[in-house]
Every structure is written in structure tokens, then in C-alpha cells.
Amino acid sequence: MEEQNSNAIAAFDSLFTTNQIQMLKILLPRLAPEHQGGFAVYIKLLELQYAFTFLRRHMGTRLFGNVKQLSADFFQGDNTDTVELLDELLPFSGPKERSRIENMKNMMVNFKKMQEMMEMIQMMQELFPEGMGGDNPMDMFSGMSDSGLSSIFEMFGPGKGE
């Protein structure tokens, strides 16, 4: 994951620079300290000018290959790409951002689990259109003994199939 992040950053940096700008970056640490600040700003200015020129020449062109574009609708369909993106952002996040990203990931994962549960309930309703013994889904367990219930929970509980 770290390598993928580094590759994306390197790809961006190499796209918006030239060999001459890279040579200036190599020269920068060798300058006297009082000249480094101004020279660093000059290098950034050259990069900005080059970026404008490059983008003008390649208007409308996809710059980074076949990377899946982000959708504003995080909760529809398969959102594994969004979760992967959030994972890639984590190493560059401060504590507050990290907490927000983790919360968003948890929310997305929980929403997906809820969707899967709703699909399961819908499937059960299709299999048993006449209902399962009342309006309350828990009614079907009312006649069972504690040992019967515990065997059902053992069968579907944590640790099974994981």
C-alpha cells in the first residue's frame, strides 16, 4: 500500500516537472542557507508555470491512466474502491483526519452489512410469502427452548465461516 502511494505521488511529480527543474532541486541543498528559501520558491514557480503549460497542451486528456473515477454516491454498488482510497490516504493524515477517515470507512462497511441483511430479509420474505408466524420476526423463536436457541446462535454466531 505504501509503495502504491509512493508510485502515485512520483507519477504526479514526474508529470508536472522537467529534467531542468529536477536538476535545480538537486542543486538546492548545496546552496548557502540564506539562498535556499528564495531558490525553493523559484523552483515551485517553475513547476507551476510548467503545470499550466502542460495542462493547456493536454486539455481534456486523462493524465493518470485508467484509474477509476470517484463517485459522489459512496453507498451505491461496490464501494471497495472508495475504501481502498481511504486506506491510501491514511498514512498522510493527522490524528483528526485519521479518525474521520476511519469513521467513514466503518460507516461504509456497516452500511454494506446492513444492505446485505436487508437483502437476506427480502429473500426470506420471498421464500416465505405467507410469513413466518406473526408480525414480529422473533415470534418464530418463541416456542423454542433455550438449548434450541443457543444451537441456532452457535450455528450463525461469530467464528463460523470466518
Protein backbone atom coordinates (compact mmCIF):
# COMPACT_ATOMS: atom_id res chain seq x y z
CA MET A 1 0.00 0.00 0.00
CA GLU A 2 2.81 2.41 0.95
CA GLU A 3 4.56 1.63 -2.34
CA GLN A 4 1.36 2.29 -4.30
CA ASN A 5 1.02 5.70 -2.58
CA SER A 6 4.65 6.50 -3.39
CA ASN A 7 4.12 5.47 -7.00
CA ALA A 8 1.07 7.75 -7.33
CA ILE A 9 2.94 10.68 -5.83
CA ALA A 10 6.02 10.05 -8.00
CA ALA A 11 3.83 9.78 -11.11
CA PHE A 12 2.24 13.14 -10.33
CA ASP A 13 5.57 14.78 -9.57
CA SER A 14 7.22 13.47 -12.73
CA LEU A 15 4.26 14.52 -14.88
CA PHE A 16 4.48 18.15 -13.77
CA THR A 17 8.21 18.74 -13.89
CA THR A 18 11.11 18.77 -16.31
CA ASN A 19 14.67 17.47 -16.14
CA GLN A 20 15.90 21.05 -15.71
CA ILE A 21 13.63 21.55 -12.67
CA GLN A 22 14.82 18.25 -11.21
CA MET A 23 18.44 19.41 -11.64
CA LEU A 24 17.62 22.62 -9.75
CA LYS A 25 16.17 20.52 -6.92
CA ILE A 26 19.46 18.58 -6.73
CA LEU A 27 21.37 21.86 -6.62
CA LEU A 28 19.14 23.43 -3.90
CA PRO A 29 20.66 21.76 -0.77
CA ARG A 30 24.15 22.72 -1.93
CA LEU A 31 23.38 26.46 -1.89
CA ALA A 32 24.12 28.70 1.06
CA PRO A 33 21.28 28.58 3.61
CA GLU A 34 20.36 32.24 3.01
CA HIS A 35 19.73 31.48 -0.69
CA GLN A 36 17.83 28.21 -0.30
CA GLY A 37 14.45 29.77 0.58
CA GLY A 38 14.29 32.05 -2.44
CA PHE A 39 15.59 29.32 -4.72
CA ALA A 40 12.96 26.87 -3.40
CA VAL A 41 10.22 29.39 -4.24
CA TYR A 42 11.75 29.87 -7.71
CA ILE A 43 11.66 26.08 -8.28
CA LYS A 44 7.99 25.93 -7.22
CA LEU A 45 7.20 28.84 -9.54
CA LEU A 46 8.85 26.99 -12.45
CA GLU A 47 6.79 23.88 -11.60
CA LEU A 48 3.60 25.93 -11.56
CA GLN A 49 4.42 27.54 -14.91
CA TYR A 50 5.21 24.14 -16.39
CA ALA A 51 1.98 22.67 -14.99
CA PHE A 52 -0.09 25.43 -16.64
CA THR A 53 1.70 24.93 -19.97
CA PHE A 54 1.37 21.14 -19.78
CA LEU A 55 -2.35 21.27 -18.95
CA ARG A 56 -3.03 23.77 -21.72
CA ARG A 57 -1.36 21.45 -24.25
CA HIS A 58 -3.17 18.34 -22.96
CA MET A 59 -6.59 19.77 -22.20
CA GLY A 60 -9.22 17.07 -21.64
CA THR A 61 -6.66 14.26 -21.62
CA ARG A 62 -6.74 11.66 -18.87
CA LEU A 63 -3.46 12.26 -17.08
CA PHE A 64 -3.16 9.15 -14.94
CA GLY A 65 -4.19 6.11 -16.97
CA ASN A 66 -7.25 4.01 -16.23
CA VAL A 67 -7.77 4.88 -12.58
CA LYS A 68 -11.41 4.55 -11.56
CA GLN A 69 -13.01 7.94 -11.05
CA LEU A 70 -14.61 8.81 -7.74
CA SER A 71 -18.35 8.82 -7.40
CA ALA A 72 -20.17 11.18 -5.07
CA ASP A 73 -22.55 8.32 -4.25
CA PHE A 74 -20.46 6.31 -1.78
CA PHE A 75 -23.26 3.98 -0.76
CA GLN A 76 -24.40 2.57 -4.08
CA GLY A 77 -22.96 -0.57 -5.58
CA ASP A 78 -19.49 -1.82 -4.80
CA ASN A 79 -17.59 0.75 -2.76
CA THR A 80 -14.37 -1.22 -2.29
CA ASP A 81 -12.52 1.35 -4.44
CA THR A 82 -13.58 4.09 -2.05
CA VAL A 83 -12.43 2.07 0.96
CA GLU A 84 -9.09 1.45 -0.79
CA LEU A 85 -8.74 5.18 -1.45
CA LEU A 86 -9.40 5.94 2.20
CA ASP A 87 -6.74 3.37 3.17
CA GLU A 88 -4.27 5.09 0.83
CA LEU A 89 -4.98 8.47 2.44
CA LEU A 90 -4.38 7.23 6.00
CA PRO A 91 -0.55 7.41 6.01
CA PHE A 92 -0.73 11.12 5.10
CA SER A 93 -3.39 12.00 7.67
CA GLY A 94 -3.05 13.71 11.01
CA PRO A 95 -4.84 12.33 14.08
CA LYS A 96 -8.13 14.18 13.43
CA GLU A 97 -8.17 13.26 9.73
CA ARG A 98 -7.27 9.67 10.58
CA SER A 99 -10.21 9.47 12.97
CA ARG A 100 -12.59 10.89 10.35
CA ILE A 101 -11.33 8.50 7.68
CA GLU A 102 -11.66 5.52 10.00
CA ASN A 103 -15.19 6.62 10.93
CA MET A 104 -16.14 6.95 7.27
CA LYS A 105 -14.70 3.51 6.48
CA ASN A 106 -16.60 1.97 9.41
CA MET A 107 -19.80 3.69 8.33
CA MET A 108 -19.41 2.37 4.78
CA VAL A 109 -18.66 -1.17 5.96
CA ASN A 110 -21.62 -1.11 8.36
CA PHE A 111 -23.91 0.28 5.67
CA LYS A 112 -22.84 -2.53 3.34
CA LYS A 113 -23.57 -5.11 6.07
CA MET A 114 -26.97 -3.52 6.62
CA GLN A 115 -27.70 -3.73 2.90
CA GLU A 116 -26.73 -7.41 2.90
CA MET A 117 -29.02 -8.04 5.87
CA MET A 118 -31.88 -6.27 4.11
CA GLU A 119 -31.30 -8.41 1.02
CA MET A 120 -31.36 -11.52 3.22
CA ILE A 121 -34.63 -10.43 4.83
CA GLN A 122 -36.12 -9.73 1.41
CA MET A 123 -35.02 -13.18 0.22
CA MET A 124 -36.61 -14.76 3.31
CA GLN A 125 -39.83 -12.86 2.62
CA GLU A 126 -39.80 -14.16 -0.96
CA LEU A 127 -39.20 -17.72 0.24
CA PHE A 128 -41.93 -17.49 2.88
CA PRO A 129 -44.51 -15.06 1.46
CA GLU A 130 -47.13 -16.25 3.96
CA GLY A 131 -44.93 -15.05 6.80
CA MET A 132 -43.05 -16.82 9.49
CA GLY A 133 -45.54 -16.95 12.32
CA GLY A 134 -46.60 -13.39 13.05
CA ASP A 135 -45.67 -9.79 12.52
CA ASN A 136 -42.70 -9.96 14.86
CA PRO A 137 -39.75 -11.91 13.36
CA MET A 138 -38.77 -13.01 16.86
CA ASP A 139 -42.13 -14.84 17.21
CA MET A 140 -40.69 -17.79 15.29
CA PHE A 141 -38.30 -18.37 18.21
CA SER A 142 -40.95 -18.10 20.95
CA GLY A 143 -41.69 -21.84 21.17
CA MET A 144 -38.05 -22.91 21.23
CA SER A 145 -36.19 -23.92 24.36
CA ASP A 146 -33.04 -22.15 25.43
CA SER A 147 -30.93 -25.03 24.12
CA GLY A 148 -32.63 -24.77 20.70
CA LEU A 149 -31.93 -21.05 20.54
CA SER A 150 -28.33 -21.44 21.61
CA SER A 151 -27.73 -24.05 18.90
CA ILE A 152 -29.10 -21.62 16.30
CA PHE A 153 -26.87 -18.83 17.62
CA GLU A 154 -23.89 -21.22 17.62
CA MET A 155 -24.59 -22.09 14.01
CA PHE A 156 -24.74 -18.45 12.84
CA GLY A 157 -22.62 -16.80 15.53
CA PRO A 158 -19.16 -15.28 15.23
CA GLY A 159 -16.36 -17.56 14.24
CA LYS A 160 -18.42 -19.66 11.82
CA GLY A 161 -17.32 -19.29 8.23
CA GLU A 162 -14.80 -16.55 9.07
